[in-house]
Every structure is written in C-alpha cells, then in structure tokens.
Amino acid sequence: MPKEPRHQFYETDEKVTLSVMVKDVQEDKLSVKITERSAEFEYEDYKLTLDPLKAKIHPEQSGYRVGKVKVEIWLVKRAPARWGNLVSEGGEEPPLIPSMAPPAATSDTLPAHRKHKNWEGLANTELSKEKEKTTSDDPNAGGDAALNGFFQQIYGNADEDTKRAMMKSFQESGGTALSTNWDEVKKGKVETKPPKGAEERKYGV
C-alpha cells in the first residue's frame, strides 16, 4: 500500500509551493497530476493526494521540478489570498483568508503629511537663511526707494563740487544722467540721454 511522503509548504498571495521530501527521484517514473481543485504526487511506493484543494488554482500555470532531495510543486492561485491549509474540509470552496500584507502606497493612499509638503514652512526657512540686503550691500535692494536712498547717501557724503555736478547733470538731462565730475559738467549743458531704443521728445511737440 502506498505511503504518504513527508511534505511541507509555504505560500504567498499568488501561489503555494509544496516540497515533497523524496530523494533521488527518477523523473520518468514520477507522476504529478494537477487540476483546478486537486494535486497528486505518485512515485514508486509514495503517494500524496490533495483533494479538494483549499481553493481553485490555474493548472496550466502550475508545475513541478525534480531536485536531488525533494520534488517541488507550485500551484498558482486563481484568487490572491492566504489559504492557511492545503486541503478544504468540505466539498465547497471555503471563504479565503484575506492577505494581511498592507496595500502598496499610491498617490491616492499616501498619508496626508506625505501628500502635501509644507511649502509655507519651507519658504520661511529659506527666507530666514537669506541675509536681508541693505543699500550698502546692494544699491538695487528695495527698488526705486532704495536707489533714491543710495543717491542721497552719495550726495550727503560728497563735497560741494560733487553736489553741484550731481544737481546740474540731473536737472539739465531730465533725470537721464547723473555725473559727479564738476570739471566736466561746468563746461556746458548736460544733454538728455534717453535709454537705448528710445528717442527724446519735447513737451508740446
């Protein structure tokens, strides 16, 4: 009478791997039969029958391989789940044990603290790293007000000739030129110097 070989199994959500512990199996004498609800191993005086299986499988995707000390049979499950046991107690397919593995995180399942960055906090952090520039560091800091402050600083620290040159050049050029060289400015009227691409127009013309 055939005897049942020692065997063990482990499973994932997708398949069951069954190890039948029989050494030096000759494949031409081995019989492995796999159906949708059963698996059978038979070799010489060993026989293992699993019928009915805990749940349905894909016979065409299942199979086996012969090793030195065992025969490994894999059974691909139709529905991802954990069986717990190989064989069902009754004839009907029992409810399956849902996998306890957590679902992979997607953009829809990410926790709220990972979905949205605290951009306001990041901006404040970056701004705090930046040293507040003054007109001494950068004449352009603060826009027109800062630029006027820069000119006032130059004017306040200048000698009388420099002040006269600045006032004369600024007024006569209509605000388009500013010179600190009195020797040059005192020679004549400072001409208007419109920006590149623009032309000077007189009022009323």
Protein backbone atom coordinates (compact mmCIF):
# COMPACT_ATOMS: atom_id res chain seq x y z
CA MET A 1 0.00 0.00 0.00
CA PRO A 2 1.41 3.45 -0.95
CA LYS A 3 2.61 5.59 1.91
CA GLU A 4 2.36 9.35 2.21
CA PRO A 5 5.72 11.09 1.84
CA ARG A 6 6.88 13.78 4.24
CA HIS A 7 5.98 17.17 2.84
CA GLN A 8 5.74 20.85 3.71
CA PHE A 9 4.54 24.02 2.04
CA TYR A 10 4.78 27.77 2.12
CA GLU A 11 2.59 30.28 0.35
CA THR A 12 2.29 33.82 -0.91
CA ASP A 13 -0.86 35.62 -2.02
CA GLU A 14 -0.28 34.35 -5.55
CA LYS A 15 0.87 30.73 -5.16
CA VAL A 16 1.56 27.74 -2.96
CA THR A 17 4.92 25.94 -3.10
CA LEU A 18 4.82 22.34 -1.93
CA SER A 19 8.02 20.41 -1.18
CA VAL A 20 7.71 16.60 -1.24
CA MET A 21 10.72 15.16 0.59
CA VAL A 22 11.71 12.16 -1.56
CA LYS A 23 15.36 11.73 -2.60
CA ASP A 24 16.82 10.73 -5.96
CA VAL A 25 13.56 10.73 -7.87
CA GLN A 26 13.74 9.45 -11.43
CA GLU A 27 11.53 11.72 -13.45
CA ASP A 28 10.45 9.05 -15.92
CA LYS A 29 8.88 7.11 -13.04
CA LEU A 30 7.26 10.14 -11.42
CA SER A 31 3.60 11.10 -11.84
CA VAL A 32 2.33 14.57 -10.90
CA LYS A 33 -1.28 15.40 -11.76
CA ILE A 34 -2.66 18.91 -11.25
CA THR A 35 -6.27 20.00 -11.79
CA GLU A 36 -8.26 23.09 -10.85
CA ARG A 37 -9.07 21.71 -7.35
CA SER A 38 -6.53 18.90 -6.79
CA ALA A 39 -2.87 17.91 -6.91
CA GLU A 40 -1.46 14.37 -6.81
CA PHE A 41 2.12 13.13 -6.40
CA GLU A 42 2.99 9.47 -7.04
CA TYR A 43 6.42 7.81 -7.13
CA GLU A 44 7.15 4.15 -6.51
CA ASP A 45 5.57 3.39 -3.12
CA TYR A 46 4.90 7.04 -2.26
CA LYS A 47 1.60 8.79 -2.92
CA LEU A 48 0.27 12.20 -1.85
CA THR A 49 -3.20 13.36 -2.79
CA LEU A 50 -4.51 16.85 -2.10
CA ASP A 51 -8.21 16.81 -2.98
CA PRO A 52 -10.03 19.12 -2.80
CA LEU A 53 -7.55 21.93 -2.56
CA LYS A 54 -8.41 24.89 -0.34
CA ALA A 55 -9.32 26.97 -3.40
CA LYS A 56 -9.15 26.90 -7.18
CA ILE A 57 -5.83 27.15 -9.00
CA HIS A 58 -4.56 27.65 -12.56
CA PRO A 59 -3.41 24.17 -13.64
CA GLU A 60 -1.81 25.48 -16.84
CA GLN A 61 0.37 27.91 -14.87
CA SER A 62 1.30 25.41 -12.16
CA GLY A 63 4.03 22.78 -12.38
CA TYR A 64 6.87 20.93 -10.67
CA ARG A 65 10.62 20.41 -10.70
CA VAL A 66 12.73 17.48 -9.56
CA GLY A 67 15.60 18.13 -7.18
CA LYS A 68 18.21 15.96 -5.50
CA VAL A 69 16.40 15.58 -2.19
CA LYS A 70 12.87 16.68 -3.00
CA VAL A 71 10.25 17.39 -5.66
CA GLU A 72 8.92 20.93 -5.64
CA ILE A 73 5.37 21.55 -6.84
CA TRP A 74 3.97 25.04 -7.29
CA LEU A 75 0.26 25.82 -7.53
CA VAL A 76 -0.79 29.23 -8.88
CA LYS A 77 -3.90 30.56 -7.14
CA ARG A 78 -6.86 31.90 -9.08
CA ALA A 79 -7.66 34.50 -6.41
CA PRO A 80 -4.91 36.22 -4.39
CA ALA A 81 -5.32 35.22 -0.73
CA ARG A 82 -3.77 33.14 2.05
CA TRP A 83 -5.10 29.59 2.36
CA GLY A 84 -3.71 28.56 5.74
CA ASN A 85 -4.15 24.87 4.78
CA LEU A 86 -3.71 22.91 1.58
CA VAL A 87 -6.94 20.95 1.67
CA SER A 88 -10.51 22.11 2.20
CA GLU A 89 -12.52 20.33 4.87
CA GLY A 90 -15.73 20.30 2.84
CA GLY A 91 -16.54 19.91 -0.82
CA GLU A 92 -17.36 23.58 -1.31
CA GLU A 93 -14.72 26.21 -1.73
CA PRO A 94 -14.46 28.00 1.64
CA PRO A 95 -14.06 31.73 2.15
CA LEU A 96 -10.42 32.68 1.80
CA ILE A 97 -8.33 34.47 4.40
CA PRO A 98 -7.53 37.95 3.10
CA SER A 99 -3.86 38.75 2.91
CA MET A 100 -2.59 40.75 5.88
CA ALA A 101 0.03 42.46 3.74
CA PRO A 102 -0.68 46.22 3.54
CA PRO A 103 -1.53 47.55 0.07
CA ALA A 104 1.24 49.33 -1.79
CA ALA A 105 1.10 53.06 -1.23
CA THR A 106 -0.09 55.08 -4.22
CA SER A 107 -0.66 58.75 -4.75
CA ASP A 108 -4.26 58.23 -3.56
CA THR A 109 -3.35 56.29 -0.41
CA LEU A 110 -0.38 58.29 0.81
CA PRO A 111 -0.84 59.82 4.25
CA ALA A 112 -1.78 63.47 4.24
CA HIS A 113 1.56 64.51 5.71
CA ARG A 114 3.32 62.86 2.77
CA LYS A 115 0.91 64.07 0.11
CA HIS A 116 1.37 67.77 0.71
CA LYS A 117 4.61 69.49 1.53
CA ASN A 118 4.54 72.38 3.93
CA TRP A 119 5.60 74.86 1.30
CA GLU A 120 4.92 77.82 3.57
CA GLY A 121 7.27 76.45 6.20
CA LEU A 122 9.93 75.69 3.60
CA ALA A 123 9.68 79.20 2.19
CA ASN A 124 10.03 80.75 5.63
CA THR A 125 13.05 78.57 6.31
CA GLU A 126 14.72 79.59 3.07
CA LEU A 127 13.95 83.24 3.59
CA SER A 128 15.42 83.12 7.07
CA LYS A 129 18.66 81.87 5.56
CA GLU A 130 18.91 84.88 3.28
CA LYS A 131 20.59 87.90 4.86
CA GLU A 132 18.44 90.97 4.42
CA LYS A 133 20.29 93.18 1.99
CA THR A 134 20.75 96.87 2.61
CA THR A 135 21.68 99.62 0.19
CA SER A 136 25.25 99.27 1.38
CA ASP A 137 25.28 95.63 0.23
CA ASP A 138 23.28 96.12 -2.95
CA PRO A 139 22.25 99.50 -4.42
CA ASN A 140 19.34 97.76 -6.20
CA ALA A 141 17.89 96.30 -2.99
CA GLY A 142 14.40 97.68 -2.29
CA GLY A 143 13.66 99.06 -5.76
CA ASP A 144 13.35 102.79 -6.53
CA ALA A 145 13.14 103.84 -2.89
CA ALA A 146 16.41 102.10 -2.15
CA LEU A 147 18.01 103.59 -5.27
CA ASN A 148 16.99 107.11 -4.18
CA GLY A 149 18.42 106.37 -0.74
CA PHE A 150 21.67 105.29 -2.37
CA PHE A 151 21.92 108.57 -4.30
CA GLN A 152 21.10 110.54 -1.15
CA GLN A 153 23.88 108.71 0.63
CA ILE A 154 26.36 109.69 -2.10
CA TYR A 155 25.09 113.28 -2.12
CA GLY A 156 25.31 113.57 1.68
CA ASN A 157 28.91 112.40 1.73
CA ALA A 158 30.03 114.45 -1.31
CA ASP A 159 31.98 117.73 -1.38
CA GLU A 160 30.48 120.92 -2.79
CA ASP A 161 31.79 120.41 -6.35
CA THR A 162 30.38 116.89 -6.50
CA LYS A 163 27.00 118.07 -5.23
CA ARG A 164 26.88 120.85 -7.85
CA ALA A 165 27.80 118.34 -10.58
CA MET A 166 25.07 115.92 -9.47
CA MET A 167 22.34 118.56 -9.30
CA LYS A 168 23.26 120.23 -12.62
CA SER A 169 23.61 116.98 -14.59
CA PHE A 170 20.40 115.51 -13.18
CA GLN A 171 18.26 118.60 -13.81
CA GLU A 172 19.61 119.50 -17.26
CA SER A 173 19.39 115.91 -18.58
CA GLY A 174 15.82 115.48 -17.38
CA GLY A 175 16.88 112.79 -14.97
CA THR A 176 18.62 110.66 -17.63
CA ALA A 177 22.20 111.40 -16.50
CA LEU A 178 23.97 111.82 -13.20
CA SER A 179 27.58 112.97 -13.00
CA THR A 180 29.88 113.65 -10.05
CA ASN A 181 32.57 115.32 -12.20
CA TRP A 182 32.13 119.09 -11.80
CA ASP A 183 35.08 119.90 -14.10
CA GLU A 184 33.23 118.17 -16.95
CA VAL A 185 29.68 119.27 -16.11
CA LYS A 186 30.52 123.02 -15.71
CA LYS A 187 31.68 123.24 -19.36
CA GLY A 188 28.14 123.32 -20.70
CA LYS A 189 24.62 121.97 -20.67
CA VAL A 190 24.27 118.26 -19.95
CA GLU A 191 22.37 116.66 -22.83
CA THR A 192 19.41 114.32 -22.32
CA LYS A 193 20.41 110.69 -22.73
CA PRO A 194 17.28 108.59 -23.38
CA PRO A 195 17.53 104.79 -22.93
CA LYS A 196 18.69 102.73 -25.87
CA GLY A 197 15.90 102.29 -28.41
CA ALA A 198 14.02 105.42 -27.19
CA GLU A 199 14.08 108.95 -28.52
CA GLU A 200 13.83 112.34 -26.82
CA ARG A 201 10.56 114.24 -27.28
CA LYS A 202 9.93 117.79 -26.18
CA TYR A 203 6.67 118.67 -24.48
CA GLY A 204 4.17 120.14 -26.92
CA VAL A 205 5.99 118.76 -29.97
